[in-house]
């Protein structure tokens, strides 16, 4: 990256039918992944990194169906890169 900051790179897995559901933390039961709601893997930061480092998983809020959210269980391995600090 060409900007200072902290960047996270993730490898994740979970019990979903397709990778898009894991990356969006939306259950396949919902029918379609929901993006941009603040809990996508791309939005994860230090808290999820520490959970993955210590437990090998993260527990983000997962959209199930009809707007219900429950804690998800995502197997996660993260790499943190610090640029310019």
C-alpha atoms as a PDB file:
ATOM      1  CA  UNK A   1       0.000   0.000   0.000  1.00  0.00           C
ATOM      2  CA  UNK A   2       1.185   3.539  -0.698  1.00  0.00           C
ATOM      3  CA  UNK A   3      -0.561   5.157   2.295  1.00  0.00           C
ATOM      4  CA  UNK A   4       0.370   4.963   5.951  1.00  0.00           C
ATOM      5  CA  UNK A   5      -1.915   2.822   8.025  1.00  0.00           C
ATOM      6  CA  UNK A   6      -2.767  -0.660   9.165  1.00  0.00           C
ATOM      7  CA  UNK A   7      -3.946  -3.170   6.584  1.00  0.00           C
ATOM      8  CA  UNK A   8      -5.413  -6.614   7.174  1.00  0.00           C
ATOM      9  CA  UNK A   9      -5.340  -9.569   4.801  1.00  0.00           C
ATOM     10  CA  UNK A  10      -7.656 -12.461   5.568  1.00  0.00           C
ATOM     11  CA  UNK A  11      -8.145 -16.116   4.799  1.00  0.00           C
ATOM     12  CA  UNK A  12     -11.585 -17.176   6.004  1.00  0.00           C
ATOM     13  CA  UNK A  13     -13.837 -20.195   5.887  1.00  0.00           C
ATOM     14  CA  UNK A  14     -17.233 -21.218   7.171  1.00  0.00           C
ATOM     15  CA  UNK A  15     -20.293 -23.376   6.717  1.00  0.00           C
ATOM     16  CA  UNK A  16     -21.905 -21.553   3.784  1.00  0.00           C
ATOM     17  CA  UNK A  17     -22.755 -22.648   0.258  1.00  0.00           C
ATOM     18  CA  UNK A  18     -20.516 -20.068  -1.473  1.00  0.00           C
ATOM     19  CA  UNK A  19     -17.573 -17.827  -0.587  1.00  0.00           C
ATOM     20  CA  UNK A  20     -19.643 -14.675  -1.167  1.00  0.00           C
ATOM     21  CA  UNK A  21     -21.781 -15.531   1.865  1.00  0.00           C
ATOM     22  CA  UNK A  22     -18.704 -15.947   4.073  1.00  0.00           C
ATOM     23  CA  UNK A  23     -17.102 -12.711   2.824  1.00  0.00           C
ATOM     24  CA  UNK A  24     -20.320 -10.724   3.357  1.00  0.00           C
ATOM     25  CA  UNK A  25     -21.168 -12.532   6.639  1.00  0.00           C
ATOM     26  CA  UNK A  26     -24.641 -13.217   5.299  1.00  0.00           C
ATOM     27  CA  UNK A  27     -26.190 -16.667   5.740  1.00  0.00           C
ATOM     28  CA  UNK A  28     -27.092 -18.529   2.567  1.00  0.00           C
ATOM     29  CA  UNK A  29     -30.597 -18.776   4.072  1.00  0.00           C
ATOM     30  CA  UNK A  30     -30.997 -15.051   3.280  1.00  0.00           C
ATOM     31  CA  UNK A  31     -30.853 -15.936  -0.423  1.00  0.00           C
ATOM     32  CA  UNK A  32     -28.467 -13.168  -1.503  1.00  0.00           C
ATOM     33  CA  UNK A  33     -25.374 -11.730   0.180  1.00  0.00           C
ATOM     34  CA  UNK A  34     -25.742  -8.255   1.701  1.00  0.00           C
ATOM     35  CA  UNK A  35     -22.699  -6.020   1.180  1.00  0.00           C
ATOM     36  CA  UNK A  36     -21.698  -2.728   2.768  1.00  0.00           C
ATOM     37  CA  UNK A  37     -23.523  -3.171   6.073  1.00  0.00           C
ATOM     38  CA  UNK A  38     -20.378  -2.800   8.190  1.00  0.00           C
ATOM     39  CA  UNK A  39     -19.634  -6.439   8.976  1.00  0.00           C
ATOM     40  CA  UNK A  40     -18.161  -7.673   5.687  1.00  0.00           C
ATOM     41  CA  UNK A  41     -14.731  -9.299   6.009  1.00  0.00           C
ATOM     42  CA  UNK A  42     -13.306  -6.251   4.185  1.00  0.00           C
ATOM     43  CA  UNK A  43     -14.527  -4.107   7.128  1.00  0.00           C
ATOM     44  CA  UNK A  44     -12.842  -6.189   9.827  1.00  0.00           C
ATOM     45  CA  UNK A  45     -10.109  -4.607  11.906  1.00  0.00           C
ATOM     46  CA  UNK A  46      -8.085  -5.032  15.084  1.00  0.00           C
ATOM     47  CA  UNK A  47     -10.784  -6.764  17.177  1.00  0.00           C
ATOM     48  CA  UNK A  48     -11.335  -9.494  14.592  1.00  0.00           C
ATOM     49  CA  UNK A  49      -7.580  -9.791  14.057  1.00  0.00           C
ATOM     50  CA  UNK A  50      -7.012 -10.383  17.782  1.00  0.00           C
ATOM     51  CA  UNK A  51      -9.839 -12.944  17.896  1.00  0.00           C
ATOM     52  CA  UNK A  52      -8.386 -14.789  14.908  1.00  0.00           C
ATOM     53  CA  UNK A  53      -4.892 -14.665  16.403  1.00  0.00           C
ATOM     54  CA  UNK A  54      -6.024 -16.022  19.760  1.00  0.00           C
ATOM     55  CA  UNK A  55      -8.847 -18.368  18.805  1.00  0.00           C
ATOM     56  CA  UNK A  56      -8.498 -19.048  15.085  1.00  0.00           C
ATOM     57  CA  UNK A  57     -11.930 -17.600  14.428  1.00  0.00           C
ATOM     58  CA  UNK A  58     -13.988 -14.432  14.490  1.00  0.00           C
ATOM     59  CA  UNK A  59     -17.608 -14.054  15.570  1.00  0.00           C
ATOM     60  CA  UNK A  60     -19.054 -11.195  13.535  1.00  0.00           C
ATOM     61  CA  UNK A  61     -22.716 -10.312  13.468  1.00  0.00           C
ATOM     62  CA  UNK A  62     -24.213 -12.442  10.693  1.00  0.00           C
ATOM     63  CA  UNK A  63     -27.382 -11.596   8.767  1.00  0.00           C
ATOM     64  CA  UNK A  64     -29.558 -14.714   8.850  1.00  0.00           C
ATOM     65  CA  UNK A  65     -32.929 -13.855   7.293  1.00  0.00           C
ATOM     66  CA  UNK A  66     -35.746 -11.352   7.642  1.00  0.00           C
ATOM     67  CA  UNK A  67     -33.251  -8.865   9.135  1.00  0.00           C
ATOM     68  CA  UNK A  68     -32.292 -11.144  12.061  1.00  0.00           C
ATOM     69  CA  UNK A  69     -28.659 -11.030  13.128  1.00  0.00           C
ATOM     70  CA  UNK A  70     -26.869 -13.623  15.218  1.00  0.00           C
ATOM     71  CA  UNK A  71     -23.208 -14.090  16.087  1.00  0.00           C
ATOM     72  CA  UNK A  72     -21.533 -15.913  13.226  1.00  0.00           C
ATOM     73  CA  UNK A  73     -18.611 -18.281  13.464  1.00  0.00           C
ATOM     74  CA  UNK A  74     -15.950 -17.735  10.814  1.00  0.00           C
ATOM     75  CA  UNK A  75     -12.653 -19.618  10.784  1.00  0.00           C
ATOM     76  CA  UNK A  76     -10.120 -16.861  10.207  1.00  0.00           C
ATOM     77  CA  UNK A  77      -6.403 -16.330   9.773  1.00  0.00           C
ATOM     78  CA  UNK A  78      -5.220 -12.741   9.443  1.00  0.00           C
ATOM     79  CA  UNK A  79      -2.073 -10.933   8.434  1.00  0.00           C
ATOM     80  CA  UNK A  80      -1.595  -7.352   9.637  1.00  0.00           C
ATOM     81  CA  UNK A  81       0.687  -5.023   7.679  1.00  0.00           C
ATOM     82  CA  UNK A  82       1.695  -1.670   9.175  1.00  0.00           C
ATOM     83  CA  UNK A  83       2.906   0.911   6.679  1.00  0.00           C
ATOM     84  CA  UNK A  84       4.938   3.980   7.648  1.00  0.00           C
ATOM     85  CA  UNK A  85       4.697   3.946  11.421  1.00  0.00           C
END
